[in-house]
Amino acid sequence: MAEGRGALLIIGGHEDKEGDRVILKELARRLDGGKLVVATVASHEPEGYFDAYLEAFRGLGVTDMVELYVDERSDSESPEALEKLDGAAGVFFTGGDQLRITSQIGDTALERRIGELHRSGVVIAGTSAGASVMSETMLVAGPSAESYRIGELHMAPGLGLMRHVIIDQHFAERGRHGRLVGAVAHNPRLLGVGIDEDTALLVEGSQGRVLGSGAVYVVDGESATHSNIAEARREDALSIFDVRMHVLSAGDQFDFAKRRPCRAR
């Protein structure tokens, strides 16, 4: 569930920027005319990312936008970077490499300031890599194959804005069902959340609501009765029994405290 008081808008990637822009409209609505900080930290070559969102959001009435980028980890302690967050109504992490976000800003003044903003009620959004980084433990790499092999998954600490979950993105489009089940098998206390492209999970407190054109998949391994993850060889396929999966579409909700979905009303 969300750790702070602000909403989290967790986007599976390739959100619509030119048509109805349902997901970006929701973020614009929550900004209520306030400042949006677009963090392009995930990209090794950020040129063009900010301009694309500048154009998309201008059409939604968002006119106060600044780009936040750091070349080196030391920049995350700089007054110039921290000043970008002054007066922010929202922070939006763009796509790229989630490990670059955590390695550049993790446990720095910049990360602490973003956490403070979230606890004060500021909305934090992220797409693709910016979605994966929301959780305490994040997926870094693993093949997008249907059958998960025991030694194929790489995970690392995330920003911890949402607890007790692990998030994957571009989910159905890249066939990532197997690797999300594998991530849950490593720690069945975590709920696996897979988010399709042009789809988002809006989380407020313990409640999540689906937006967009695709689906959100929630994998629950709490009641699993068997797993070979500790005994099998690295090249073996995963075996796990009695795992539950919920598939949610636009308007459907999920209670992360109760680990239960409810239908759209």
Protein backbone atom coordinates (compact mmCIF):
# COMPACT_ATOMS: atom_id res chain seq x y z
CA MET A 1 0.00 0.00 0.00
CA ALA A 2 1.07 3.60 -0.43
CA GLU A 3 3.45 4.65 2.30
CA GLY A 4 2.52 8.33 2.36
CA ARG A 5 -0.55 10.50 2.02
CA GLY A 6 -0.13 11.47 -1.62
CA ALA A 7 -1.57 9.44 -4.47
CA LEU A 8 0.61 7.23 -6.65
CA LEU A 9 -0.12 6.98 -10.38
CA ILE A 10 1.71 3.86 -11.58
CA ILE A 11 1.70 3.55 -15.39
CA GLY A 12 2.64 0.49 -17.45
CA GLY A 13 4.34 2.50 -20.21
CA HIS A 14 3.37 3.91 -23.62
CA GLU A 15 0.50 5.93 -22.19
CA ASP A 16 -1.60 7.84 -24.73
CA LYS A 17 -0.14 11.34 -25.25
CA GLU A 18 -2.21 12.50 -28.25
CA GLY A 19 -5.76 11.09 -28.06
CA ASP A 20 -8.07 11.00 -25.04
CA ARG A 21 -5.02 10.91 -22.70
CA VAL A 22 -7.11 9.38 -19.91
CA ILE A 23 -4.13 8.70 -17.67
CA LEU A 24 -2.39 12.02 -18.19
CA LYS A 25 -5.73 13.81 -17.69
CA GLU A 26 -6.00 12.22 -14.25
CA LEU A 27 -2.57 13.51 -13.31
CA ALA A 28 -3.39 16.96 -14.68
CA ARG A 29 -6.61 17.03 -12.68
CA ARG A 30 -4.77 16.24 -9.48
CA LEU A 31 -2.20 18.96 -10.12
CA ASP A 32 -5.05 21.50 -10.14
CA GLY A 33 -2.93 24.06 -11.95
CA GLY A 34 0.16 23.40 -9.85
CA LYS A 35 3.75 22.69 -10.82
CA LEU A 36 4.77 19.36 -12.37
CA VAL A 37 8.36 18.16 -12.04
CA VAL A 38 9.22 15.74 -14.85
CA ALA A 39 12.09 13.54 -13.66
CA THR A 40 13.95 12.10 -16.65
CA VAL A 41 16.54 10.46 -14.39
CA ALA A 42 15.87 6.95 -15.75
CA SER A 43 17.23 7.80 -19.18
CA HIS A 44 20.90 7.68 -20.14
CA GLU A 45 20.02 10.06 -23.00
CA PRO A 46 17.10 12.21 -21.76
CA GLU A 47 16.86 14.50 -24.80
CA GLY A 48 13.29 14.58 -26.11
CA TYR A 49 11.57 13.03 -23.09
CA PHE A 50 10.71 16.35 -21.47
CA ASP A 51 9.60 17.97 -24.73
CA ALA A 52 7.18 15.11 -25.46
CA TYR A 53 5.50 15.51 -22.07
CA LEU A 54 5.60 19.30 -22.31
CA GLU A 55 3.51 19.09 -25.46
CA ALA A 56 1.16 16.42 -24.10
CA PHE A 57 0.45 18.24 -20.83
CA ARG A 58 0.11 21.71 -22.32
CA GLY A 59 -3.04 20.54 -24.07
CA LEU A 60 -4.39 19.51 -20.66
CA GLY A 61 -3.83 22.90 -19.06
CA VAL A 62 -0.54 22.09 -17.30
CA THR A 63 1.73 25.05 -18.01
CA ASP A 64 4.13 25.06 -15.04
CA MET A 65 6.58 22.25 -15.80
CA VAL A 66 10.28 21.78 -15.08
CA GLU A 67 12.69 18.96 -15.93
CA LEU A 68 14.70 17.21 -13.23
CA TYR A 69 17.78 15.31 -14.41
CA VAL A 70 21.02 14.33 -12.70
CA ASP A 71 24.18 13.35 -14.58
CA GLU A 72 25.94 11.96 -11.52
CA ARG A 73 24.85 10.71 -8.11
CA SER A 74 26.57 13.71 -6.50
CA ASP A 75 24.12 15.99 -8.33
CA SER A 76 21.32 14.55 -6.17
CA GLU A 77 22.76 16.44 -3.20
CA SER A 78 22.98 19.75 -5.06
CA PRO A 79 20.86 22.81 -4.15
CA GLU A 80 20.05 23.22 -7.86
CA ALA A 81 18.40 19.78 -8.06
CA LEU A 82 16.50 20.25 -4.81
CA GLU A 83 15.24 23.67 -5.91
CA LYS A 84 13.51 22.02 -8.87
CA LEU A 85 11.14 20.37 -6.38
CA ASP A 86 10.17 23.60 -4.60
CA GLY A 87 6.43 24.16 -4.83
CA ALA A 88 5.79 20.92 -6.72
CA ALA A 89 2.22 19.66 -6.93
CA GLY A 90 3.38 16.48 -8.65
CA VAL A 91 6.50 14.54 -9.64
CA PHE A 92 6.51 12.36 -12.76
CA PHE A 93 9.23 9.75 -13.40
CA THR A 94 9.62 8.95 -17.10
CA GLY A 95 10.82 5.67 -18.60
CA GLY A 96 14.28 4.27 -19.20
CA ASP A 97 16.28 2.19 -16.73
CA GLN A 98 14.87 1.87 -13.21
CA LEU A 99 18.29 0.97 -11.83
CA ARG A 100 19.56 4.35 -12.99
CA ILE A 101 16.90 6.06 -10.84
CA THR A 102 17.82 4.23 -7.66
CA SER A 103 21.57 4.30 -8.23
CA GLN A 104 21.53 8.04 -8.90
CA ILE A 105 19.06 9.30 -6.26
CA GLY A 106 18.66 6.44 -3.74
CA ASP A 107 19.50 7.49 -0.16
CA THR A 108 20.26 11.07 -1.20
CA ALA A 109 18.78 14.44 -0.31
CA LEU A 110 16.77 14.29 -3.54
CA GLU A 111 15.11 10.99 -2.65
CA ARG A 112 14.37 12.20 0.87
CA ARG A 113 12.78 15.37 -0.49
CA ILE A 114 10.56 13.37 -2.85
CA GLY A 115 9.48 11.22 0.09
CA GLU A 116 8.64 14.33 2.09
CA LEU A 117 6.57 15.69 -0.78
CA HIS A 118 4.67 12.41 -1.06
CA ARG A 119 3.94 12.36 2.67
CA SER A 120 2.68 15.94 2.43
CA GLY A 121 0.10 14.95 -0.21
CA VAL A 122 1.94 15.52 -3.49
CA VAL A 123 1.05 13.04 -6.24
CA ILE A 124 3.95 10.90 -7.51
CA ALA A 125 3.59 9.33 -10.95
CA GLY A 126 5.83 7.04 -12.94
CA THR A 127 5.70 5.24 -16.27
CA SER A 128 7.59 2.10 -17.35
CA ALA A 129 10.87 2.24 -15.38
CA GLY A 130 9.28 5.01 -13.33
CA ALA A 131 6.55 2.53 -12.35
CA SER A 132 8.89 -0.31 -11.33
CA VAL A 133 10.83 1.97 -9.01
CA MET A 134 7.78 2.77 -6.84
CA SER A 135 8.00 -0.39 -4.72
CA GLU A 136 10.40 -1.35 -1.93
CA THR A 137 11.74 -4.24 -4.01
CA MET A 138 11.85 -3.67 -7.75
CA LEU A 139 12.31 -5.89 -10.76
CA VAL A 140 15.47 -4.89 -12.60
CA ALA A 141 15.84 -7.55 -15.30
CA GLY A 142 14.59 -10.94 -16.38
CA PRO A 143 13.58 -12.50 -19.69
CA SER A 144 10.04 -11.98 -20.92
CA ALA A 145 9.28 -15.66 -21.40
CA GLU A 146 6.22 -17.58 -20.29
CA SER A 147 8.18 -20.08 -18.18
CA TYR A 148 10.36 -18.59 -15.48
CA ARG A 149 13.78 -20.17 -14.93
CA ILE A 150 15.00 -20.14 -11.33
CA GLY A 151 18.19 -18.14 -11.86
CA GLU A 152 16.96 -15.58 -14.38
CA LEU A 153 15.52 -12.81 -12.20
CA HIS A 154 17.35 -9.73 -10.94
CA MET A 155 15.83 -7.53 -8.24
CA ALA A 156 17.04 -4.52 -6.25
CA PRO A 157 15.72 -2.02 -3.69
CA GLY A 158 13.29 0.54 -5.10
CA LEU A 159 12.20 3.91 -3.76
CA GLY A 160 9.70 2.30 -1.34
CA LEU A 161 6.80 4.65 -2.09
CA MET A 162 4.50 1.59 -2.12
CA ARG A 163 5.04 -1.27 0.29
CA HIS A 164 4.32 -5.00 0.10
CA VAL A 165 4.22 -5.18 -3.71
CA ILE A 166 6.56 -5.72 -6.64
CA ILE A 167 5.67 -4.02 -9.92
CA ASP A 168 6.22 -4.99 -13.55
CA GLN A 169 5.30 -2.93 -16.63
CA HIS A 170 4.68 -3.38 -20.39
CA PHE A 171 3.12 -6.50 -18.94
CA ALA A 172 0.93 -8.36 -21.45
CA GLU A 173 2.68 -6.77 -24.41
CA ARG A 174 6.04 -8.30 -23.44
CA GLY A 175 4.75 -11.58 -22.01
CA ARG A 176 5.96 -10.93 -18.47
CA HIS A 177 3.53 -13.21 -16.62
CA GLY A 178 6.18 -15.83 -15.90
CA ARG A 179 8.73 -13.46 -14.43
CA LEU A 180 6.17 -11.77 -12.16
CA VAL A 181 5.12 -15.15 -10.78
CA GLY A 182 8.81 -15.87 -10.30
CA ALA A 183 9.25 -12.63 -8.35
CA VAL A 184 6.32 -13.54 -6.10
CA ALA A 185 7.75 -17.03 -5.59
CA HIS A 186 10.91 -15.42 -4.16
CA ASN A 187 8.80 -13.64 -1.52
CA PRO A 188 5.12 -14.71 -1.35
CA ARG A 189 4.37 -11.93 1.14
CA LEU A 190 4.62 -9.50 -1.77
CA LEU A 191 1.76 -9.00 -4.19
CA GLY A 192 2.92 -9.00 -7.80
CA VAL A 193 1.40 -6.16 -9.83
CA GLY A 194 1.70 -6.30 -13.63
CA ILE A 195 0.49 -3.27 -15.58
CA ASP A 196 -0.23 -3.21 -19.31
CA GLU A 197 0.76 -0.37 -21.62
CA ASP A 198 -1.56 2.67 -21.68
CA THR A 199 -2.85 1.46 -18.32
CA ALA A 200 -2.33 2.78 -14.81
CA LEU A 201 -3.02 1.90 -11.21
CA LEU A 202 -4.03 4.91 -9.12
CA VAL A 203 -3.20 4.14 -5.48
CA GLU A 204 -4.53 6.11 -2.53
CA GLY A 205 -3.85 4.60 0.87
CA SER A 206 -4.56 0.89 0.56
CA GLN A 207 -6.93 1.29 -2.40
CA GLY A 208 -5.99 1.00 -6.07
CA ARG A 209 -8.12 1.84 -9.10
CA VAL A 210 -7.40 0.93 -12.73
CA LEU A 211 -7.32 3.56 -15.50
CA GLY A 212 -6.66 3.21 -19.22
CA SER A 213 -7.18 0.77 -22.06
CA GLY A 214 -5.50 -2.40 -20.75
CA ALA A 215 -5.45 -4.52 -17.63
CA VAL A 216 -3.70 -4.76 -14.28
CA TYR A 217 -2.75 -8.25 -13.07
CA VAL A 218 -2.34 -8.95 -9.35
CA VAL A 219 -0.48 -12.17 -8.45
CA ASP A 220 -1.01 -13.41 -4.89
CA GLY A 221 1.24 -16.22 -3.64
CA GLU A 222 0.27 -15.98 0.03
CA SER A 223 -1.65 -19.28 -0.09
CA ALA A 224 0.88 -21.14 -2.25
CA THR A 225 1.28 -24.74 -1.08
CA HIS A 226 4.46 -25.69 -2.94
CA SER A 227 7.44 -24.05 -4.65
CA ASN A 228 10.71 -25.46 -5.96
CA ILE A 229 12.49 -22.10 -5.92
CA ALA A 230 14.85 -22.96 -3.06
CA GLU A 231 15.83 -26.47 -4.23
CA ALA A 232 15.86 -26.36 -8.04
CA ARG A 233 18.87 -25.67 -10.23
CA ARG A 234 19.24 -22.25 -11.84
CA GLU A 235 18.24 -23.55 -15.27
CA ASP A 236 15.11 -25.37 -14.02
CA ALA A 237 11.62 -24.05 -14.66
CA LEU A 238 9.69 -22.70 -11.70
CA SER A 239 7.10 -24.93 -10.05
CA ILE A 240 4.57 -23.28 -7.72
CA PHE A 241 1.07 -24.43 -6.70
CA ASP A 242 -2.10 -22.63 -5.62
CA VAL A 243 -1.22 -19.12 -6.74
CA ARG A 244 -4.09 -16.70 -7.34
CA MET A 245 -4.25 -14.11 -10.10
CA HIS A 246 -6.74 -11.25 -10.38
CA VAL A 247 -7.20 -9.42 -13.69
CA LEU A 248 -8.60 -5.90 -13.40
CA SER A 249 -9.70 -3.47 -16.12
CA ALA A 250 -10.69 0.20 -16.14
CA GLY A 251 -12.67 1.18 -13.04
CA ASP A 252 -11.95 -2.03 -11.13
CA GLN A 253 -10.43 -1.60 -7.70
CA PHE A 254 -8.09 -3.54 -5.45
CA ASP A 255 -7.77 -3.36 -1.67
CA PHE A 256 -4.11 -4.03 -0.94
CA ALA A 257 -4.70 -4.31 2.81
CA LYS A 258 -7.32 -7.05 2.33
CA ARG A 259 -5.64 -8.47 -0.79
CA ARG A 260 -9.04 -8.46 -2.53
CA PRO A 261 -10.43 -6.94 -5.76
CA CYS A 262 -13.82 -5.36 -6.31
CA ARG A 263 -15.64 -4.70 -9.57
CA ALA A 264 -16.10 -1.35 -11.29
CA ARG A 265 -19.27 0.45 -10.27
